[in-house]
Amino acid sequence: MPQVSLLELVAAVQAGELVSFPTDTVPALAARPEAGDRIYAAKDRSPDKPLILMGATLADLQPYVAGSEADWVPWSTIARRHWPGALTLVLPASDRLPVAINPQGTGTIGLRVPNHPLARHLLSHTGPLATTSANRSGQPPLVTMAAIAASFPQVSTLSIAALANIYQHFDSPMPPLDQPQGSGLPSTVAQWQDNGWAVLRVGAVDLDPAGTP
């Protein structure tokens, strides 16, 4: 796994290459949205499983969603309540969404802002990225950067020097790369359906069966 500087990581993303970084749940395997097909190939992932679009802020993700001002009232309410955090919201997709992130063309997109300072710092430099857990399809998510390096040697990550430079600006210490990164719990997935939230996957954020936050 190439260990690079922040500028080199951003350049790798812009070139359509795969990168990995920690999040609040499990480490992400990521690429620019237009290069989402590379994630599918690396993981042997089925095309009927859309990728999640992860961003640094709600405003960064908004262009990928189709909705009126009235639609955005309940969507932004739950986003502001739980983001940054382990909640993925599935909303109608705008025409800006590349086919590579959702090959089946379901007309929806899963969105998340992670509660992890390093992840949001990187996303603020790269822009929104297509993401998924870092593992082969059907296998458990890899939770350490060392394990990801062994399984995905072609994927770029930040070097120790780059991490140390970034973490000096955070309140939290830099976790060892051979230790689990994040909670290990999946994000809760909630989809907007018929003017309400339907919980598609129970995860770290507690929503009731009707999707009420």
C-alpha atoms as a PDB file:
ATOM      1  CA  MET A   1       0.000   0.000   0.000  1.00  0.00           C
ATOM      2  CA  PRO A   2       1.627   3.291  -1.049  1.00  0.00           C
ATOM      3  CA  GLN A   3       1.937   5.617   1.947  1.00  0.00           C
ATOM      4  CA  VAL A   4       1.830   9.183   0.708  1.00  0.00           C
ATOM      5  CA  SER A   5       1.510  12.834   1.707  1.00  0.00           C
ATOM      6  CA  LEU A   6      -1.815  14.642   1.799  1.00  0.00           C
ATOM      7  CA  LEU A   7      -1.097  16.334  -1.530  1.00  0.00           C
ATOM      8  CA  GLU A   8      -0.164  13.000  -3.095  1.00  0.00           C
ATOM      9  CA  LEU A   9      -3.334  11.382  -1.737  1.00  0.00           C
ATOM     10  CA  VAL A  10      -5.479  14.145  -3.240  1.00  0.00           C
ATOM     11  CA  ALA A  11      -3.630  13.729  -6.543  1.00  0.00           C
ATOM     12  CA  ALA A  12      -4.251   9.971  -6.441  1.00  0.00           C
ATOM     13  CA  VAL A  13      -7.970  10.589  -5.975  1.00  0.00           C
ATOM     14  CA  GLN A  14      -8.020  13.056  -8.849  1.00  0.00           C
ATOM     15  CA  ALA A  15      -6.289  10.465 -11.040  1.00  0.00           C
ATOM     16  CA  GLY A  16      -9.066   7.971 -10.301  1.00  0.00           C
ATOM     17  CA  GLU A  17      -6.990   5.752  -8.016  1.00  0.00           C
ATOM     18  CA  LEU A  18      -8.193   3.979  -4.871  1.00  0.00           C
ATOM     19  CA  VAL A  19      -7.435   5.329  -1.403  1.00  0.00           C
ATOM     20  CA  SER A  20      -8.275   4.240   2.138  1.00  0.00           C
ATOM     21  CA  PHE A  21      -8.764   6.146   5.375  1.00  0.00           C
ATOM     22  CA  PRO A  22     -10.312   5.583   8.820  1.00  0.00           C
ATOM     23  CA  THR A  23     -13.892   6.569   9.641  1.00  0.00           C
ATOM     24  CA  ASP A  24     -16.016   6.435  12.779  1.00  0.00           C
ATOM     25  CA  THR A  25     -17.373   2.985  11.817  1.00  0.00           C
ATOM     26  CA  VAL A  26     -14.823   0.981   9.788  1.00  0.00           C
ATOM     27  CA  PRO A  27     -12.067   2.140   7.422  1.00  0.00           C
ATOM     28  CA  ALA A  28     -13.254   3.178   3.978  1.00  0.00           C
ATOM     29  CA  LEU A  29     -12.120   2.085   0.549  1.00  0.00           C
ATOM     30  CA  ALA A  30     -12.718   5.157  -1.590  1.00  0.00           C
ATOM     31  CA  ALA A  31     -12.446   6.719  -5.034  1.00  0.00           C
ATOM     32  CA  ARG A  32     -13.785   9.769  -6.807  1.00  0.00           C
ATOM     33  CA  PRO A  33     -17.429   9.129  -7.763  1.00  0.00           C
ATOM     34  CA  GLU A  34     -16.631   8.738 -11.472  1.00  0.00           C
ATOM     35  CA  ALA A  35     -14.111   5.996 -10.625  1.00  0.00           C
ATOM     36  CA  GLY A  36     -16.462   3.938  -8.477  1.00  0.00           C
ATOM     37  CA  ASP A  37     -16.081   1.021 -10.886  1.00  0.00           C
ATOM     38  CA  ARG A  38     -12.556   0.550  -9.549  1.00  0.00           C
ATOM     39  CA  ILE A  39     -13.978  -0.175  -6.098  1.00  0.00           C
ATOM     40  CA  TYR A  40     -16.288  -2.822  -7.542  1.00  0.00           C
ATOM     41  CA  ALA A  41     -13.364  -4.456  -9.351  1.00  0.00           C
ATOM     42  CA  ALA A  42     -11.046  -4.398  -6.307  1.00  0.00           C
ATOM     43  CA  LYS A  43     -13.670  -5.926  -4.008  1.00  0.00           C
ATOM     44  CA  ASP A  44     -15.333  -8.265  -6.532  1.00  0.00           C
ATOM     45  CA  ARG A  45     -18.487  -6.441  -5.470  1.00  0.00           C
ATOM     46  CA  SER A  46     -21.869  -7.142  -7.030  1.00  0.00           C
ATOM     47  CA  PRO A  47     -23.223  -4.204  -9.095  1.00  0.00           C
ATOM     48  CA  ASP A  48     -26.563  -4.425  -7.270  1.00  0.00           C
ATOM     49  CA  LYS A  49     -24.914  -3.013  -4.133  1.00  0.00           C
ATOM     50  CA  PRO A  50     -24.581   0.792  -4.530  1.00  0.00           C
ATOM     51  CA  LEU A  51     -21.645   2.630  -2.994  1.00  0.00           C
ATOM     52  CA  ILE A  52     -22.068   5.341  -0.356  1.00  0.00           C
ATOM     53  CA  LEU A  53     -21.153   8.925  -1.158  1.00  0.00           C
ATOM     54  CA  MET A  54     -19.235  10.362   1.775  1.00  0.00           C
ATOM     55  CA  GLY A  55     -18.583  14.069   2.221  1.00  0.00           C
ATOM     56  CA  ALA A  56     -17.149  16.539   4.712  1.00  0.00           C
ATOM     57  CA  THR A  57     -20.432  18.457   5.058  1.00  0.00           C
ATOM     58  CA  LEU A  58     -24.089  18.261   4.109  1.00  0.00           C
ATOM     59  CA  ALA A  59     -23.555  21.161   1.692  1.00  0.00           C
ATOM     60  CA  ASP A  60     -20.884  19.148  -0.164  1.00  0.00           C
ATOM     61  CA  LEU A  61     -23.341  16.290  -0.720  1.00  0.00           C
ATOM     62  CA  GLN A  62     -26.413  18.342  -1.607  1.00  0.00           C
ATOM     63  CA  PRO A  63     -25.651  18.682  -5.367  1.00  0.00           C
ATOM     64  CA  TYR A  64     -25.969  14.910  -5.727  1.00  0.00           C
ATOM     65  CA  VAL A  65     -29.551  14.923  -4.408  1.00  0.00           C
ATOM     66  CA  ALA A  66     -32.737  15.797  -6.315  1.00  0.00           C
ATOM     67  CA  GLY A  67     -35.336  17.553  -4.186  1.00  0.00           C
ATOM     68  CA  SER A  68     -37.334  20.729  -3.646  1.00  0.00           C
ATOM     69  CA  GLU A  69     -36.880  23.164  -0.765  1.00  0.00           C
ATOM     70  CA  ALA A  70     -39.830  21.479   0.949  1.00  0.00           C
ATOM     71  CA  ASP A  71     -38.211  18.060   0.498  1.00  0.00           C
ATOM     72  CA  TRP A  72     -35.031  19.306   2.145  1.00  0.00           C
ATOM     73  CA  VAL A  73     -36.768  20.289   5.381  1.00  0.00           C
ATOM     74  CA  PRO A  74     -37.057  16.744   6.842  1.00  0.00           C
ATOM     75  CA  TRP A  75     -33.867  15.586   5.121  1.00  0.00           C
ATOM     76  CA  SER A  76     -31.706  18.360   6.539  1.00  0.00           C
ATOM     77  CA  THR A  77     -33.367  18.046   9.955  1.00  0.00           C
ATOM     78  CA  ILE A  78     -32.262  14.455  10.439  1.00  0.00           C
ATOM     79  CA  ALA A  79     -28.869  15.142   8.848  1.00  0.00           C
ATOM     80  CA  ARG A  80     -28.122  18.012  11.211  1.00  0.00           C
ATOM     81  CA  ARG A  81     -29.241  15.911  14.164  1.00  0.00           C
ATOM     82  CA  HIS A  82     -26.999  12.949  13.395  1.00  0.00           C
ATOM     83  CA  TRP A  83     -24.186  14.244  11.197  1.00  0.00           C
ATOM     84  CA  PRO A  84     -21.302  13.961  11.578  1.00  0.00           C
ATOM     85  CA  GLY A  85     -22.197  10.417  12.556  1.00  0.00           C
ATOM     86  CA  ALA A  86     -22.918   6.813  11.676  1.00  0.00           C
ATOM     87  CA  LEU A  87     -26.165   7.402   9.776  1.00  0.00           C
ATOM     88  CA  THR A  88     -26.460   6.839   6.027  1.00  0.00           C
ATOM     89  CA  LEU A  89     -29.398   8.611   4.381  1.00  0.00           C
ATOM     90  CA  VAL A  90     -30.766   7.198   1.119  1.00  0.00           C
ATOM     91  CA  LEU A  91     -32.299  10.018  -0.928  1.00  0.00           C
ATOM     92  CA  PRO A  92     -33.361  10.668  -4.542  1.00  0.00           C
ATOM     93  CA  ALA A  93     -30.298  11.110  -6.738  1.00  0.00           C
ATOM     94  CA  SER A  94     -29.721  14.079  -9.021  1.00  0.00           C
ATOM     95  CA  ASP A  95     -28.393  13.747 -12.568  1.00  0.00           C
ATOM     96  CA  ARG A  96     -24.937  14.624 -11.235  1.00  0.00           C
ATOM     97  CA  LEU A  97     -24.578  11.134  -9.750  1.00  0.00           C
ATOM     98  CA  PRO A  98     -22.218   9.020 -11.902  1.00  0.00           C
ATOM     99  CA  VAL A  99     -23.389   5.578 -13.000  1.00  0.00           C
ATOM    100  CA  ALA A 100     -20.182   4.166 -11.493  1.00  0.00           C
ATOM    101  CA  ILE A 101     -21.468   4.670  -7.950  1.00  0.00           C
ATOM    102  CA  ASN A 102     -24.829   2.953  -8.564  1.00  0.00           C
ATOM    103  CA  PRO A 103     -24.609   0.676 -11.633  1.00  0.00           C
ATOM    104  CA  GLN A 104     -28.208  -0.549 -11.263  1.00  0.00           C
ATOM    105  CA  GLY A 105     -29.553   2.995 -11.647  1.00  0.00           C
ATOM    106  CA  THR A 106     -32.037   2.840  -8.775  1.00  0.00           C
ATOM    107  CA  GLY A 107     -32.441   6.609  -8.765  1.00  0.00           C
ATOM    108  CA  THR A 108     -31.240   6.916  -5.177  1.00  0.00           C
ATOM    109  CA  ILE A 109     -27.962   7.641  -3.408  1.00  0.00           C
ATOM    110  CA  GLY A 110     -26.700   6.794   0.074  1.00  0.00           C
ATOM    111  CA  LEU A 111     -25.020   9.761   1.781  1.00  0.00           C
ATOM    112  CA  ARG A 112     -22.972  10.142   4.951  1.00  0.00           C
ATOM    113  CA  VAL A 113     -20.797  12.637   6.818  1.00  0.00           C
ATOM    114  CA  PRO A 114     -18.497  10.618   9.121  1.00  0.00           C
ATOM    115  CA  ASN A 115     -17.804  11.577  12.719  1.00  0.00           C
ATOM    116  CA  HIS A 116     -14.047  11.263  12.310  1.00  0.00           C
ATOM    117  CA  PRO A 117     -11.759  14.308  12.148  1.00  0.00           C
ATOM    118  CA  LEU A 118      -9.258  12.753   9.756  1.00  0.00           C
ATOM    119  CA  ALA A 119     -11.947  11.498   7.368  1.00  0.00           C
ATOM    120  CA  ARG A 120     -13.623  14.907   7.203  1.00  0.00           C
ATOM    121  CA  HIS A 121     -10.248  16.630   6.804  1.00  0.00           C
ATOM    122  CA  LEU A 122      -9.421  14.439   3.814  1.00  0.00           C
ATOM    123  CA  LEU A 123     -12.898  14.822   2.306  1.00  0.00           C
ATOM    124  CA  SER A 124     -12.630  18.589   2.608  1.00  0.00           C
ATOM    125  CA  HIS A 125      -9.607  18.370   0.298  1.00  0.00           C
ATOM    126  CA  THR A 126     -10.828  15.688  -2.109  1.00  0.00           C
ATOM    127  CA  GLY A 127     -14.535  16.509  -2.286  1.00  0.00           C
ATOM    128  CA  PRO A 128     -17.187  13.792  -1.884  1.00  0.00           C
ATOM    129  CA  LEU A 129     -15.950  10.254  -2.492  1.00  0.00           C
ATOM    130  CA  ALA A 130     -17.585   6.962  -3.376  1.00  0.00           C
ATOM    131  CA  THR A 131     -16.928   4.673  -0.421  1.00  0.00           C
ATOM    132  CA  THR A 132     -17.482   1.232   1.034  1.00  0.00           C
ATOM    133  CA  SER A 133     -15.815  -0.948   3.652  1.00  0.00           C
ATOM    134  CA  ALA A 134     -12.301  -2.151   2.869  1.00  0.00           C
ATOM    135  CA  ASN A 135     -12.701  -5.898   2.316  1.00  0.00           C
ATOM    136  CA  ARG A 136     -13.320  -8.480  -0.365  1.00  0.00           C
ATOM    137  CA  SER A 137     -17.008  -8.897  -1.071  1.00  0.00           C
ATOM    138  CA  GLY A 138     -18.597 -11.347   1.361  1.00  0.00           C
ATOM    139  CA  GLN A 139     -15.739 -11.071   3.867  1.00  0.00           C
ATOM    140  CA  PRO A 140     -15.800  -9.151   7.190  1.00  0.00           C
ATOM    141  CA  PRO A 141     -14.698  -5.503   7.018  1.00  0.00           C
ATOM    142  CA  LEU A 142     -11.002  -4.959   7.676  1.00  0.00           C
ATOM    143  CA  VAL A 143     -10.620  -2.754  10.743  1.00  0.00           C
ATOM    144  CA  THR A 144      -6.891  -1.949  10.843  1.00  0.00           C
ATOM    145  CA  MET A 145      -4.859  -0.041   8.297  1.00  0.00           C
ATOM    146  CA  ALA A 146      -2.203  -2.775   8.508  1.00  0.00           C
ATOM    147  CA  ALA A 147      -4.752  -5.403   7.409  1.00  0.00           C
ATOM    148  CA  ILE A 148      -5.910  -3.181   4.556  1.00  0.00           C
ATOM    149  CA  ALA A 149      -2.307  -2.735   3.412  1.00  0.00           C
ATOM    150  CA  ALA A 150      -1.902  -6.511   3.245  1.00  0.00           C
ATOM    151  CA  SER A 151      -5.144  -7.096   1.310  1.00  0.00           C
ATOM    152  CA  PHE A 152      -5.067  -4.047  -0.985  1.00  0.00           C
ATOM    153  CA  PRO A 153      -1.402  -3.228  -1.749  1.00  0.00           C
ATOM    154  CA  GLN A 154      -2.428  -0.965  -4.644  1.00  0.00           C
ATOM    155  CA  VAL A 155      -4.454   1.385  -2.411  1.00  0.00           C
ATOM    156  CA  SER A 156      -2.908   4.675  -1.217  1.00  0.00           C
ATOM    157  CA  THR A 157      -3.050   5.811   2.413  1.00  0.00           C
ATOM    158  CA  LEU A 158      -1.487   8.651   4.351  1.00  0.00           C
ATOM    159  CA  SER A 159       2.045   8.118   5.630  1.00  0.00           C
ATOM    160  CA  ILE A 160       2.914   8.233   9.329  1.00  0.00           C
ATOM    161  CA  ALA A 161       4.535  11.645   8.810  1.00  0.00           C
ATOM    162  CA  ALA A 162       1.444  12.990   7.038  1.00  0.00           C
ATOM    163  CA  LEU A 163      -0.845  11.612   9.752  1.00  0.00           C
ATOM    164  CA  ALA A 164       1.285  13.107  12.521  1.00  0.00           C
ATOM    165  CA  ASN A 165       1.227  16.489  10.813  1.00  0.00           C
ATOM    166  CA  ILE A 166      -2.565  16.425  10.486  1.00  0.00           C
ATOM    167  CA  TYR A 167      -3.329  15.009  13.952  1.00  0.00           C
ATOM    168  CA  GLN A 168      -1.399  17.781  15.689  1.00  0.00           C
ATOM    169  CA  HIS A 169      -4.346  20.022  14.795  1.00  0.00           C
ATOM    170  CA  PHE A 170      -6.925  17.669  16.339  1.00  0.00           C
ATOM    171  CA  ASP A 171      -7.944  17.202  19.953  1.00  0.00           C
ATOM    172  CA  SER A 172      -7.798  13.405  19.605  1.00  0.00           C
ATOM    173  CA  PRO A 173      -4.519  11.421  19.447  1.00  0.00           C
ATOM    174  CA  MET A 174      -3.419   9.495  16.372  1.00  0.00           C
ATOM    175  CA  PRO A 175      -4.434   5.815  16.765  1.00  0.00           C
ATOM    176  CA  PRO A 176      -1.823   3.122  16.026  1.00  0.00           C
ATOM    177  CA  LEU A 177      -2.200   1.719  12.508  1.00  0.00           C
ATOM    178  CA  ASP A 178      -2.239  -1.861  13.825  1.00  0.00           C
ATOM    179  CA  GLN A 179      -5.235  -1.123  16.079  1.00  0.00           C
ATOM    180  CA  PRO A 180      -8.922  -1.106  15.042  1.00  0.00           C
ATOM    181  CA  GLN A 181      -9.940   2.183  13.450  1.00  0.00           C
ATOM    182  CA  GLY A 182     -13.478   3.251  14.398  1.00  0.00           C
ATOM    183  CA  SER A 183     -16.234   1.518  16.338  1.00  0.00           C
ATOM    184  CA  GLY A 184     -16.455  -1.525  14.085  1.00  0.00           C
ATOM    185  CA  LEU A 185     -20.238  -1.069  13.935  1.00  0.00           C
ATOM    186  CA  PRO A 186     -21.937  -0.392  10.590  1.00  0.00           C
ATOM    187  CA  SER A 187     -23.836   2.816   9.992  1.00  0.00           C
ATOM    188  CA  THR A 188     -27.603   2.817  10.295  1.00  0.00           C
ATOM    189  CA  VAL A 189     -29.204   3.143   6.847  1.00  0.00           C
ATOM    190  CA  ALA A 190     -32.500   5.035   6.502  1.00  0.00           C
ATOM    191  CA  GLN A 191     -34.307   5.712   3.221  1.00  0.00           C
ATOM    192  CA  TRP A 192     -36.857   8.452   2.575  1.00  0.00           C
ATOM    193  CA  GLN A 193     -40.069   6.723   1.464  1.00  0.00           C
ATOM    194  CA  ASP A 194     -43.612   8.113   1.249  1.00  0.00           C
ATOM    195  CA  ASN A 195     -42.835  11.162   3.393  1.00  0.00           C
ATOM    196  CA  GLY A 196     -41.154   9.130   6.123  1.00  0.00           C
ATOM    197  CA  TRP A 197     -37.973   7.253   7.001  1.00  0.00           C
ATOM    198  CA  ALA A 198     -37.676   3.498   6.505  1.00  0.00           C
ATOM    199  CA  VAL A 199     -34.798   1.838   8.344  1.00  0.00           C
ATOM    200  CA  LEU A 200     -33.024  -0.466   5.877  1.00  0.00           C
ATOM    201  CA  ARG A 201     -30.183  -1.475   8.214  1.00  0.00           C
ATOM    202  CA  VAL A 202     -29.940  -1.221  11.981  1.00  0.00           C
ATOM    203  CA  GLY A 203     -26.556   0.126  13.004  1.00  0.00           C
ATOM    204  CA  ALA A 204     -24.793   2.504  15.347  1.00  0.00           C
ATOM    205  CA  VAL A 205     -27.494   5.224  15.313  1.00  0.00           C
ATOM    206  CA  ASP A 206     -30.760   4.295  17.014  1.00  0.00           C
ATOM    207  CA  LEU A 207     -33.855   5.051  14.939  1.00  0.00           C
ATOM    208  CA  ASP A 208     -37.255   3.525  15.678  1.00  0.00           C
ATOM    209  CA  PRO A 209     -38.929   1.281  13.040  1.00  0.00           C
ATOM    210  CA  ALA A 210     -40.710   4.279  11.531  1.00  0.00           C
ATOM    211  CA  GLY A 211     -37.404   6.054  11.088  1.00  0.00           C
ATOM    212  CA  THR A 212     -38.084   8.730  13.695  1.00  0.00           C
ATOM    213  CA  PRO A 213     -34.811  10.266  14.922  1.00  0.00           C
END
